[in-house]
Amino acid sequence: MKSSRLGRLPLRSGFVAATETCCDETWSFDRSNARMSAMIWCEKCGRDFDVGLLTEDGDCPACGTWLADPKGEGSVPWHFWLVLAAAVIYLGWRAVQGIYWALQQIG
């Protein structure tokens, strides 16, 4: 597998070589899934690791070298709660309309 000149990211179909590297992180864009992912390079192993593959302490799973800060607990973005509140209000209103319609059909 060929390596790109711009980073340590191997060239595969569906991937674009990284144009910037910072702090030993190479950013790649996967066209097949349309997502960004951070790849962290381990000098000792000579491999790229996805952030999700690191241990809880941010160490390399192969050699145990510290590579990155541990991932913090994920939080739910504010717009999720906004959409959830809007959905609850909408479905609540539709339930009221449905009950009102059912009462009209019975009586």
Protein backbone atom coordinates (compact mmCIF):
# COMPACT_ATOMS: atom_id res chain seq x y z
CA MET A 1 0.00 0.00 0.00
CA LYS A 2 1.48 3.37 -1.02
CA SER A 3 1.91 6.17 1.53
CA SER A 4 1.03 9.74 0.75
CA ARG A 5 3.67 12.44 0.76
CA LEU A 6 1.56 14.84 2.81
CA GLY A 7 1.03 12.68 5.86
CA ARG A 8 1.29 9.16 7.12
CA LEU A 9 -2.13 8.23 5.80
CA PRO A 10 -2.07 5.28 3.38
CA LEU A 11 -3.73 5.94 0.06
CA ARG A 12 -6.80 3.75 -0.43
CA SER A 13 -9.76 4.06 -2.72
CA GLY A 14 -12.30 6.42 -1.23
CA PHE A 15 -9.73 8.32 0.83
CA VAL A 16 -8.05 11.63 0.16
CA ALA A 17 -4.54 12.22 1.45
CA ALA A 18 -4.34 14.61 4.39
CA THR A 19 -3.20 18.12 3.56
CA GLU A 20 -2.35 19.17 7.10
CA THR A 21 -0.82 17.39 10.04
CA CYS A 22 -0.75 18.82 13.53
CA CYS A 23 0.33 17.31 16.83
CA ASP A 24 0.87 13.89 15.22
CA GLU A 25 -2.80 13.74 14.15
CA THR A 26 -3.59 13.15 10.50
CA TRP A 27 -7.11 14.06 9.40
CA SER A 28 -8.63 12.00 6.62
CA PHE A 29 -11.92 12.22 4.81
CA ASP A 30 -13.67 8.99 3.91
CA ARG A 31 -15.79 9.65 0.81
CA SER A 32 -17.63 6.35 1.06
CA ASN A 33 -19.12 7.23 4.48
CA ALA A 34 -18.68 11.02 4.25
CA ARG A 35 -17.15 11.32 7.71
CA MET A 36 -14.04 12.84 9.24
CA SER A 37 -11.83 10.81 11.53
CA ALA A 38 -8.65 11.60 13.46
CA MET A 39 -5.82 9.15 13.06
CA ILE A 40 -3.08 9.28 15.67
CA TRP A 41 0.40 8.08 14.76
CA CYS A 42 2.40 5.90 17.16
CA GLU A 43 6.13 6.40 16.57
CA LYS A 44 7.05 3.26 18.51
CA CYS A 45 4.74 0.94 16.54
CA GLY A 46 4.91 2.82 13.25
CA ARG A 47 1.11 2.64 12.84
CA ASP A 48 -1.92 4.91 12.67
CA PHE A 49 -4.63 4.38 15.27
CA ASP A 50 -8.16 5.69 15.28
CA VAL A 51 -9.01 7.69 18.40
CA GLY A 52 -11.66 5.11 19.33
CA LEU A 53 -9.09 2.30 19.39
CA LEU A 54 -6.96 3.88 22.14
CA THR A 55 -7.23 2.64 25.72
CA GLU A 56 -9.21 4.59 28.34
CA ASP A 57 -5.99 6.38 29.33
CA GLY A 58 -5.19 7.39 25.73
CA ASP A 59 -2.42 4.81 25.33
CA CYS A 60 -1.50 2.81 22.23
CA PRO A 61 -3.28 -0.56 22.33
CA ALA A 62 -0.19 -2.35 20.95
CA CYS A 63 2.75 -0.95 22.92
CA GLY A 64 1.18 1.12 25.71
CA THR A 65 2.81 4.43 24.74
CA TRP A 66 0.74 7.50 25.66
CA LEU A 67 -0.63 9.05 22.45
CA ALA A 68 -3.50 11.38 23.35
CA ASP A 69 -5.65 12.70 26.15
CA PRO A 70 -8.38 10.29 27.18
CA LYS A 71 -11.74 10.86 25.57
CA GLY A 72 -14.11 12.74 27.85
CA GLU A 73 -17.65 11.66 28.48
CA GLY A 74 -19.78 12.48 25.49
CA SER A 75 -22.46 15.06 25.95
CA VAL A 76 -25.66 15.48 24.03
CA PRO A 77 -25.67 18.63 21.87
CA TRP A 78 -28.23 21.34 22.62
CA HIS A 79 -29.98 20.97 19.26
CA PHE A 80 -30.83 17.35 20.10
CA TRP A 81 -32.86 18.57 23.08
CA LEU A 82 -34.47 21.25 20.89
CA VAL A 83 -35.60 18.67 18.33
CA LEU A 84 -36.76 16.33 21.10
CA ALA A 85 -38.84 19.09 22.73
CA ALA A 86 -40.34 20.05 19.36
CA ALA A 87 -41.21 16.42 18.63
CA VAL A 88 -42.87 15.99 22.05
CA ILE A 89 -44.91 19.17 21.60
CA TYR A 90 -45.94 18.19 18.06
CA LEU A 91 -46.89 14.61 18.96
CA GLY A 92 -48.73 15.82 22.06
CA TRP A 93 -50.77 18.23 19.97
CA ARG A 94 -51.51 15.51 17.40
CA ALA A 95 -52.66 13.22 20.25
CA VAL A 96 -55.06 15.95 21.47
CA GLN A 97 -56.39 16.36 17.92
CA GLY A 98 -56.79 12.59 17.58
CA ILE A 99 -58.72 12.33 20.85
CA TYR A 100 -60.93 15.26 19.84
CA TRP A 101 -61.57 13.66 16.42
CA ALA A 102 -62.41 10.28 18.05
CA LEU A 103 -64.88 11.96 20.42
CA GLN A 104 -66.55 13.68 17.48
CA GLN A 105 -66.88 10.38 15.60
CA ILE A 106 -68.45 8.64 18.62
CA GLY A 107 -70.87 11.40 19.60
